[in-house]
PDB file of N, CA and C in Angstrom:
ATOM      1  N   MET A   1     -16.292   1.099  34.302  1.00  0.00           N
ATOM      2  CA  MET A   1     -15.434   2.229  34.001  1.00  0.00           C
ATOM      3  C   MET A   1     -13.980   1.766  33.911  1.00  0.00           C
ATOM      4  N   MET A   2     -13.282   2.245  32.902  1.00  0.00           N
ATOM      5  CA  MET A   2     -11.904   1.848  32.684  1.00  0.00           C
ATOM      6  C   MET A   2     -10.967   2.659  33.584  1.00  0.00           C
ATOM      7  N   GLU A   3      -9.986   1.975  34.160  1.00  0.00           N
ATOM      8  CA  GLU A   3      -9.017   2.660  35.001  1.00  0.00           C
ATOM      9  C   GLU A   3      -8.069   3.486  34.126  1.00  0.00           C
ATOM     10  N   ASP A   4      -7.484   4.504  34.727  1.00  0.00           N
ATOM     11  CA  ASP A   4      -6.571   5.371  33.988  1.00  0.00           C
ATOM     12  C   ASP A   4      -5.341   4.623  33.497  1.00  0.00           C
ATOM     13  N   VAL A   5      -4.851   3.693  34.297  1.00  0.00           N
ATOM     14  CA  VAL A   5      -3.655   2.939  33.925  1.00  0.00           C
ATOM     15  C   VAL A   5      -3.908   2.113  32.674  1.00  0.00           C
ATOM     16  N   VAL A   6      -5.048   1.468  32.616  1.00  0.00           N
ATOM     17  CA  VAL A   6      -5.389   0.647  31.455  1.00  0.00           C
ATOM     18  C   VAL A   6      -5.566   1.527  30.223  1.00  0.00           C
ATOM     19  N   PHE A   7      -6.204   2.666  30.399  1.00  0.00           N
ATOM     20  CA  PHE A   7      -6.415   3.577  29.281  1.00  0.00           C
ATOM     21  C   PHE A   7      -5.085   4.070  28.716  1.00  0.00           C
ATOM     22  N   TYR A   8      -4.211   4.542  29.583  1.00  0.00           N
ATOM     23  CA  TYR A   8      -2.941   5.079  29.122  1.00  0.00           C
ATOM     24  C   TYR A   8      -2.025   4.003  28.549  1.00  0.00           C
ATOM     25  N   ASP A   9      -2.084   2.802  29.110  1.00  0.00           N
ATOM     26  CA  ASP A   9      -1.288   1.706  28.565  1.00  0.00           C
ATOM     27  C   ASP A   9      -1.788   1.304  27.184  1.00  0.00           C
ATOM     28  N   THR A  10      -3.090   1.277  26.995  1.00  0.00           N
ATOM     29  CA  THR A  10      -3.658   0.972  25.685  1.00  0.00           C
ATOM     30  C   THR A  10      -3.311   2.058  24.674  1.00  0.00           C
ATOM     31  N   LEU A  11      -3.380   3.296  25.086  1.00  0.00           N
ATOM     32  CA  LEU A  11      -3.008   4.411  24.222  1.00  0.00           C
ATOM     33  C   LEU A  11      -1.532   4.354  23.854  1.00  0.00           C
ATOM     34  N   ARG A  12      -0.674   4.065  24.828  1.00  0.00           N
ATOM     35  CA  ARG A  12       0.759   3.958  24.582  1.00  0.00           C
ATOM     36  C   ARG A  12       1.065   2.834  23.609  1.00  0.00           C
ATOM     37  N   GLN A  13       0.413   1.707  23.798  1.00  0.00           N
ATOM     38  CA  GLN A  13       0.637   0.569  22.912  1.00  0.00           C
ATOM     39  C   GLN A  13       0.134   0.869  21.495  1.00  0.00           C
ATOM     40  N   GLY A  14      -0.974   1.554  21.370  1.00  0.00           N
ATOM     41  CA  GLY A  14      -1.479   1.932  20.050  1.00  0.00           C
ATOM     42  C   GLY A  14      -0.568   2.898  19.328  1.00  0.00           C
ATOM     43  N   LEU A  15      -0.015   3.859  20.071  1.00  0.00           N
ATOM     44  CA  LEU A  15       0.938   4.790  19.467  1.00  0.00           C
ATOM     45  C   LEU A  15       2.218   4.080  19.052  1.00  0.00           C
ATOM     46  N   TRP A  16       2.667   3.116  19.853  1.00  0.00           N
ATOM     47  CA  TRP A  16       3.874   2.372  19.486  1.00  0.00           C
ATOM     48  C   TRP A  16       3.630   1.534  18.232  1.00  0.00           C
ATOM     49  N   ILE A  17       2.463   0.920  18.116  1.00  0.00           N
ATOM     50  CA  ILE A  17       2.125   0.155  16.909  1.00  0.00           C
ATOM     51  C   ILE A  17       2.142   1.073  15.692  1.00  0.00           C
ATOM     52  N   SER A  18       1.621   2.280  15.822  1.00  0.00           N
ATOM     53  CA  SER A  18       1.623   3.209  14.685  1.00  0.00           C
ATOM     54  C   SER A  18       3.039   3.624  14.304  1.00  0.00           C
ATOM     55  N   VAL A  19       3.927   3.771  15.274  1.00  0.00           N
ATOM     56  CA  VAL A  19       5.323   4.092  14.973  1.00  0.00           C
ATOM     57  C   VAL A  19       5.991   2.930  14.250  1.00  0.00           C
ATOM     58  N   VAL A  20       5.777   1.720  14.733  1.00  0.00           N
ATOM     59  CA  VAL A  20       6.389   0.540  14.121  1.00  0.00           C
ATOM     60  C   VAL A  20       5.876   0.340  12.698  1.00  0.00           C
ATOM     61  N   ILE A  21       4.596   0.571  12.487  1.00  0.00           N
ATOM     62  CA  ILE A  21       4.011   0.377  11.159  1.00  0.00           C
ATOM     63  C   ILE A  21       4.511   1.435  10.167  1.00  0.00           C
ATOM     64  N   SER A  22       4.671   2.664  10.619  1.00  0.00           N
ATOM     65  CA  SER A  22       5.051   3.729   9.699  1.00  0.00           C
ATOM     66  C   SER A  22       6.549   3.817   9.448  1.00  0.00           C
ATOM     67  N   THR A  23       7.366   3.154  10.244  1.00  0.00           N
ATOM     68  CA  THR A  23       8.823   3.258  10.111  1.00  0.00           C
ATOM     69  C   THR A  23       9.351   2.831   8.742  1.00  0.00           C
ATOM     70  N   PRO A  24       8.949   1.695   8.166  1.00  0.00           N
ATOM     71  CA  PRO A  24       9.516   1.338   6.852  1.00  0.00           C
ATOM     72  C   PRO A  24       9.220   2.365   5.769  1.00  0.00           C
ATOM     73  N   ILE A  25       8.019   2.896   5.744  1.00  0.00           N
ATOM     74  CA  ILE A  25       7.658   3.862   4.709  1.00  0.00           C
ATOM     75  C   ILE A  25       8.429   5.166   4.911  1.00  0.00           C
ATOM     76  N   LEU A  26       8.527   5.628   6.139  1.00  0.00           N
ATOM     77  CA  LEU A  26       9.250   6.871   6.398  1.00  0.00           C
ATOM     78  C   LEU A  26      10.740   6.722   6.120  1.00  0.00           C
ATOM     79  N   PHE A  27      11.308   5.560   6.441  1.00  0.00           N
ATOM     80  CA  PHE A  27      12.722   5.324   6.180  1.00  0.00           C
ATOM     81  C   PHE A  27      13.014   5.323   4.680  1.00  0.00           C
ATOM     82  N   VAL A  28      12.170   4.677   3.893  1.00  0.00           N
ATOM     83  CA  VAL A  28      12.368   4.641   2.446  1.00  0.00           C
ATOM     84  C   VAL A  28      12.159   6.024   1.837  1.00  0.00           C
ATOM     85  N   ALA A  29      11.200   6.780   2.335  1.00  0.00           N
ATOM     86  CA  ALA A  29      10.994   8.145   1.840  1.00  0.00           C
ATOM     87  C   ALA A  29      12.218   9.006   2.125  1.00  0.00           C
ATOM     88  N   LEU A  30      12.779   8.876   3.308  1.00  0.00           N
ATOM     89  CA  LEU A  30      13.974   9.624   3.658  1.00  0.00           C
ATOM     90  C   LEU A  30      15.159   9.206   2.796  1.00  0.00           C
ATOM     91  N   LEU A  31      15.352   7.912   2.650  1.00  0.00           N
ATOM     92  CA  LEU A  31      16.477   7.405   1.866  1.00  0.00           C
ATOM     93  C   LEU A  31      16.373   7.800   0.398  1.00  0.00           C
ATOM     94  N   SER A  32      15.195   7.653  -0.187  1.00  0.00           N
ATOM     95  CA  SER A  32      15.038   8.027  -1.594  1.00  0.00           C
ATOM     96  C   SER A  32      15.160   9.536  -1.780  1.00  0.00           C
ATOM     97  N   GLY A  33      14.713  10.324  -0.828  1.00  0.00           N
ATOM     98  CA  GLY A  33      14.876  11.774  -0.908  1.00  0.00           C
ATOM     99  C   GLY A  33      16.331  12.184  -0.869  1.00  0.00           C
ATOM    100  N   VAL A  34      17.127  11.533  -0.023  1.00  0.00           N
ATOM    101  CA  VAL A  34      18.555  11.837   0.051  1.00  0.00           C
ATOM    102  C   VAL A  34      19.267  11.427  -1.234  1.00  0.00           C
ATOM    103  N   VAL A  35      18.921  10.254  -1.759  1.00  0.00           N
ATOM    104  CA  VAL A  35      19.559   9.780  -2.992  1.00  0.00           C
ATOM    105  C   VAL A  35      19.220  10.695  -4.164  1.00  0.00           C
ATOM    106  N   VAL A  36      17.965  11.066  -4.312  1.00  0.00           N
ATOM    107  CA  VAL A  36      17.565  11.941  -5.408  1.00  0.00           C
ATOM    108  C   VAL A  36      18.158  13.332  -5.218  1.00  0.00           C
ATOM    109  N   GLY A  37      18.206  13.823  -3.991  1.00  0.00           N
ATOM    110  CA  GLY A  37      18.827  15.116  -3.728  1.00  0.00           C
ATOM    111  C   GLY A  37      20.309  15.114  -4.053  1.00  0.00           C
ATOM    112  N   LEU A  38      20.979  14.030  -3.710  1.00  0.00           N
ATOM    113  CA  LEU A  38      22.396  13.901  -4.047  1.00  0.00           C
ATOM    114  C   LEU A  38      22.592  13.843  -5.555  1.00  0.00           C
ATOM    115  N   PHE A  39      21.732  13.099  -6.237  1.00  0.00           N
ATOM    116  CA  PHE A  39      21.797  13.031  -7.700  1.00  0.00           C
ATOM    117  C   PHE A  39      21.567  14.404  -8.324  1.00  0.00           C
ATOM    118  N   GLN A  40      20.605  15.143  -7.802  1.00  0.00           N
ATOM    119  CA  GLN A  40      20.342  16.488  -8.327  1.00  0.00           C
ATOM    120  C   GLN A  40      21.508  17.427  -8.068  1.00  0.00           C
ATOM    121  N   ALA A  41      22.131  17.310  -6.911  1.00  0.00           N
ATOM    122  CA  ALA A  41      23.264  18.179  -6.607  1.00  0.00           C
ATOM    123  C   ALA A  41      24.472  17.852  -7.479  1.00  0.00           C
ATOM    124  N   LEU A  42      24.660  16.573  -7.774  1.00  0.00           N
ATOM    125  CA  LEU A  42      25.805  16.176  -8.595  1.00  0.00           C
ATOM    126  C   LEU A  42      25.624  16.520 -10.065  1.00  0.00           C
ATOM    127  N   THR A  43      24.396  16.484 -10.554  1.00  0.00           N
ATOM    128  CA  THR A  43      24.154  16.721 -11.980  1.00  0.00           C
ATOM    129  C   THR A  43      23.591  18.104 -12.269  1.00  0.00           C
ATOM    130  N   SER A  44      23.295  18.887 -11.251  1.00  0.00           N
ATOM    131  CA  SER A  44      22.712  20.230 -11.396  1.00  0.00           C
ATOM    132  C   SER A  44      21.370  20.219 -12.127  1.00  0.00           C
ATOM    133  N   ILE A  45      20.644  19.128 -11.999  1.00  0.00           N
ATOM    134  CA  ILE A  45      19.292  19.049 -12.555  1.00  0.00           C
ATOM    135  C   ILE A  45      18.326  19.443 -11.444  1.00  0.00           C
ATOM    136  N   GLN A  46      17.552  20.493 -11.674  1.00  0.00           N
ATOM    137  CA  GLN A  46      16.638  20.990 -10.646  1.00  0.00           C
ATOM    138  C   GLN A  46      15.184  20.843 -11.087  1.00  0.00           C
ATOM    139  N   GLU A  47      14.816  19.662 -11.480  1.00  0.00           N
ATOM    140  CA  GLU A  47      13.448  19.376 -11.913  1.00  0.00           C
ATOM    141  C   GLU A  47      12.637  18.933 -10.699  1.00  0.00           C
ATOM    142  N   MET A  48      11.469  19.552 -10.491  1.00  0.00           N
ATOM    143  CA  MET A  48      10.647  19.244  -9.315  1.00  0.00           C
ATOM    144  C   MET A  48      10.059  17.836  -9.362  1.00  0.00           C
ATOM    145  N   THR A  49       9.683  17.369 -10.541  1.00  0.00           N
ATOM    146  CA  THR A  49       9.101  16.030 -10.625  1.00  0.00           C
ATOM    147  C   THR A  49      10.147  14.952 -10.387  1.00  0.00           C
ATOM    148  N   LEU A  50      11.414  15.283 -10.538  1.00  0.00           N
ATOM    149  CA  LEU A  50      12.464  14.307 -10.289  1.00  0.00           C
ATOM    150  C   LEU A  50      12.526  13.920  -8.814  1.00  0.00           C
ATOM    151  N   THR A  51      12.161  14.813  -7.929  1.00  0.00           N
ATOM    152  CA  THR A  51      12.140  14.465  -6.506  1.00  0.00           C
ATOM    153  C   THR A  51      10.850  13.755  -6.118  1.00  0.00           C
ATOM    154  N   PHE A  52       9.768  14.076  -6.792  1.00  0.00           N
ATOM    155  CA  PHE A  52       8.461  13.551  -6.394  1.00  0.00           C
ATOM    156  C   PHE A  52       8.220  12.124  -6.884  1.00  0.00           C
ATOM    157  N   VAL A  53       8.475  11.876  -8.139  1.00  0.00           N
ATOM    158  CA  VAL A  53       8.122  10.580  -8.738  1.00  0.00           C
ATOM    159  C   VAL A  53       8.912   9.416  -8.146  1.00  0.00           C
ATOM    160  N   PRO A  54      10.247   9.475  -8.034  1.00  0.00           N
ATOM    161  CA  PRO A  54      10.943   8.329  -7.423  1.00  0.00           C
ATOM    162  C   PRO A  54      10.559   8.094  -5.963  1.00  0.00           C
ATOM    163  N   LYS A  55      10.343   9.167  -5.232  1.00  0.00           N
ATOM    164  CA  LYS A  55       9.957   9.012  -3.836  1.00  0.00           C
ATOM    165  C   LYS A  55       8.577   8.360  -3.734  1.00  0.00           C
ATOM    166  N   LEU A  56       7.651   8.785  -4.568  1.00  0.00           N
ATOM    167  CA  LEU A  56       6.312   8.193  -4.564  1.00  0.00           C
ATOM    168  C   LEU A  56       6.365   6.724  -4.971  1.00  0.00           C
ATOM    169  N   ALA A  57       7.170   6.407  -5.980  1.00  0.00           N
ATOM    170  CA  ALA A  57       7.299   5.008  -6.418  1.00  0.00           C
ATOM    171  C   ALA A  57       7.900   4.139  -5.321  1.00  0.00           C
ATOM    172  N   ALA A  58       8.904   4.647  -4.621  1.00  0.00           N
ATOM    173  CA  ALA A  58       9.516   3.887  -3.535  1.00  0.00           C
ATOM    174  C   ALA A  58       8.537   3.678  -2.388  1.00  0.00           C
ATOM    175  N   ILE A  59       7.776   4.701  -2.062  1.00  0.00           N
ATOM    176  CA  ILE A  59       6.798   4.591  -0.976  1.00  0.00           C
ATOM    177  C   ILE A  59       5.716   3.578  -1.328  1.00  0.00           C
ATOM    178  N   VAL A  60       5.223   3.628  -2.558  1.00  0.00           N
ATOM    179  CA  VAL A  60       4.186   2.678  -2.979  1.00  0.00           C
ATOM    180  C   VAL A  60       4.725   1.254  -2.967  1.00  0.00           C
ATOM    181  N   ALA A  61       5.969   1.062  -3.419  1.00  0.00           N
ATOM    182  CA  ALA A  61       6.561  -0.278  -3.429  1.00  0.00           C
ATOM    183  C   ALA A  61       6.719  -0.830  -2.015  1.00  0.00           C
ATOM    184  N   VAL A  62       7.209  -0.004  -1.100  1.00  0.00           N
ATOM    185  CA  VAL A  62       7.383  -0.470   0.280  1.00  0.00           C
ATOM    186  C   VAL A  62       6.036  -0.700   0.944  1.00  0.00           C
ATOM    187  N   PHE A  63       5.070   0.134   0.653  1.00  0.00           N
ATOM    188  CA  PHE A  63       3.735  -0.073   1.204  1.00  0.00           C
ATOM    189  C   PHE A  63       3.151  -1.393   0.713  1.00  0.00           C
ATOM    190  N   TRP A  64       3.343  -1.691  -0.554  1.00  0.00           N
ATOM    191  CA  TRP A  64       2.817  -2.930  -1.118  1.00  0.00           C
ATOM    192  C   TRP A  64       3.499  -4.144  -0.495  1.00  0.00           C
ATOM    193  N   VAL A  65       4.808  -4.051  -0.279  1.00  0.00           N
ATOM    194  CA  VAL A  65       5.546  -5.169   0.302  1.00  0.00           C
ATOM    195  C   VAL A  65       5.193  -5.355   1.783  1.00  0.00           C
ATOM    196  N   SER A  66       5.044  -4.269   2.523  1.00  0.00           N
ATOM    197  CA  SER A  66       4.826  -4.377   3.969  1.00  0.00           C
ATOM    198  C   SER A  66       3.353  -4.331   4.372  1.00  0.00           C
ATOM    199  N   MET A  67       2.458  -4.396   3.420  1.00  0.00           N
ATOM    200  CA  MET A  67       1.035  -4.316   3.742  1.00  0.00           C
ATOM    201  C   MET A  67       0.566  -5.482   4.613  1.00  0.00           C
ATOM    202  N   GLY A  68       1.097  -6.668   4.377  1.00  0.00           N
ATOM    203  CA  GLY A  68       0.728  -7.823   5.195  1.00  0.00           C
ATOM    204  C   GLY A  68       1.156  -7.656   6.645  1.00  0.00           C
ATOM    205  N   PHE A  69       2.370  -7.149   6.842  1.00  0.00           N
ATOM    206  CA  PHE A  69       2.876  -6.887   8.190  1.00  0.00           C
ATOM    207  C   PHE A  69       2.026  -5.835   8.900  1.00  0.00           C
ATOM    208  N   MET A  70       1.668  -4.793   8.167  1.00  0.00           N
ATOM    209  CA  MET A  70       0.859  -3.731   8.759  1.00  0.00           C
ATOM    210  C   MET A  70      -0.520  -4.248   9.160  1.00  0.00           C
ATOM    211  N   THR A  71      -1.124  -5.004   8.280  1.00  0.00           N
ATOM    212  CA  THR A  71      -2.450  -5.548   8.556  1.00  0.00           C
ATOM    213  C   THR A  71      -2.418  -6.510   9.738  1.00  0.00           C
ATOM    214  N   GLU A  72      -1.400  -7.371   9.770  1.00  0.00           N
ATOM    215  CA  GLU A  72      -1.285  -8.325  10.869  1.00  0.00           C
ATOM    216  C   GLU A  72      -1.044  -7.613  12.194  1.00  0.00           C
ATOM    217  N   SER A  73      -0.229  -6.576  12.193  1.00  0.00           N
ATOM    218  CA  SER A  73       0.044  -5.832  13.430  1.00  0.00           C
ATOM    219  C   SER A  73      -1.216  -5.156  13.962  1.00  0.00           C
ATOM    220  N   LEU A  74      -1.946  -4.492  13.075  1.00  0.00           N
ATOM    221  CA  LEU A  74      -3.173  -3.820  13.514  1.00  0.00           C
ATOM    222  C   LEU A  74      -4.251  -4.804  13.940  1.00  0.00           C
ATOM    223  N   SER A  75      -4.374  -5.902  13.211  1.00  0.00           N
ATOM    224  CA  SER A  75      -5.383  -6.909  13.567  1.00  0.00           C
ATOM    225  C   SER A  75      -5.077  -7.548  14.911  1.00  0.00           C
ATOM    226  N   SER A  76      -3.807  -7.873  15.150  1.00  0.00           N
ATOM    227  CA  SER A  76      -3.470  -8.501  16.428  1.00  0.00           C
ATOM    228  C   SER A  76      -3.628  -7.512  17.581  1.00  0.00           C
ATOM    229  N   TYR A  77      -3.300  -6.237  17.356  1.00  0.00           N
ATOM    230  CA  TYR A  77      -3.516  -5.226  18.407  1.00  0.00           C
ATOM    231  C   TYR A  77      -4.999  -5.104  18.717  1.00  0.00           C
ATOM    232  N   PHE A  78      -5.811  -5.075  17.691  1.00  0.00           N
ATOM    233  CA  PHE A  78      -7.249  -4.946  17.902  1.00  0.00           C
ATOM    234  C   PHE A  78      -7.811  -6.177  18.607  1.00  0.00           C
ATOM    235  N   ALA A  79      -7.414  -7.366  18.130  1.00  0.00           N
ATOM    236  CA  ALA A  79      -7.967  -8.601  18.699  1.00  0.00           C
ATOM    237  C   ALA A  79      -7.438  -8.886  20.096  1.00  0.00           C
ATOM    238  N   ASP A  80      -6.157  -8.603  20.340  1.00  0.00           N
ATOM    239  CA  ASP A  80      -5.562  -8.949  21.629  1.00  0.00           C
ATOM    240  C   ASP A  80      -5.779  -7.886  22.698  1.00  0.00           C
ATOM    241  N   ARG A  81      -5.917  -6.633  22.289  1.00  0.00           N
ATOM    242  CA  ARG A  81      -5.969  -5.567  23.273  1.00  0.00           C
ATOM    243  C   ARG A  81      -7.337  -4.882  23.358  1.00  0.00           C
ATOM    244  N   LEU A  82      -7.880  -4.481  22.215  1.00  0.00           N
ATOM    245  CA  LEU A  82      -9.103  -3.672  22.241  1.00  0.00           C
ATOM    246  C   LEU A  82     -10.376  -4.491  22.429  1.00  0.00           C
ATOM    247  N   VAL A  83     -10.460  -5.631  21.767  1.00  0.00           N
ATOM    248  CA  VAL A  83     -11.673  -6.449  21.891  1.00  0.00           C
ATOM    249  C   VAL A  83     -11.900  -6.900  23.344  1.00  0.00           C
ATOM    250  N   PRO A  84     -10.874  -7.383  24.056  1.00  0.00           N
ATOM    251  CA  PRO A  84     -11.126  -7.732  25.472  1.00  0.00           C
ATOM    252  C   PRO A  84     -11.546  -6.531  26.319  1.00  0.00           C
ATOM    253  N   LEU A  85     -11.025  -5.354  26.020  1.00  0.00           N
ATOM    254  CA  LEU A  85     -11.449  -4.170  26.776  1.00  0.00           C
ATOM    255  C   LEU A  85     -12.898  -3.801  26.480  1.00  0.00           C
ATOM    256  N   ILE A  86     -13.288  -3.947  25.215  1.00  0.00           N
ATOM    257  CA  ILE A  86     -14.674  -3.658  24.850  1.00  0.00           C
ATOM    258  C   ILE A  86     -15.623  -4.672  25.474  1.00  0.00           C
ATOM    259  N   GLU A  87     -15.216  -5.952  25.468  1.00  0.00           N
ATOM    260  CA  GLU A  87     -16.047  -7.000  26.062  1.00  0.00           C
ATOM    261  C   GLU A  87     -16.192  -6.819  27.565  1.00  0.00           C
ATOM    262  N   ALA A  88     -15.158  -6.275  28.213  1.00  0.00           N
ATOM    263  CA  ALA A  88     -15.204  -6.104  29.672  1.00  0.00           C
ATOM    264  C   ALA A  88     -16.139  -4.997  30.090  1.00  0.00           C
ATOM    265  N   MET A  89     -16.444  -4.092  29.178  1.00  0.00           N
ATOM    266  CA  MET A  89     -17.331  -2.980  29.518  1.00  0.00           C
ATOM    267  C   MET A  89     -18.723  -3.449  29.495  1.00  0.00           C
TER     268      MET A  89
END
């Protein structure tokens, strides 16, 4: 049986990994949304696809660039933290 401390520490570490992995994508989505919103406010263009397409393109580009980092982070968390806990049971 797993102790509560180990369970909560593993959960905390998993949540922190998810925050670290999602930060680049969320930051780029926020930045591109602000830039496109500023552009729309300056030019008075209120087209809905103008906000969606650049943000989606930026998110896909950052996801493609950071995919190796994300995969390595999740793999190391699984191999270093979860596999030993599963083996101990």
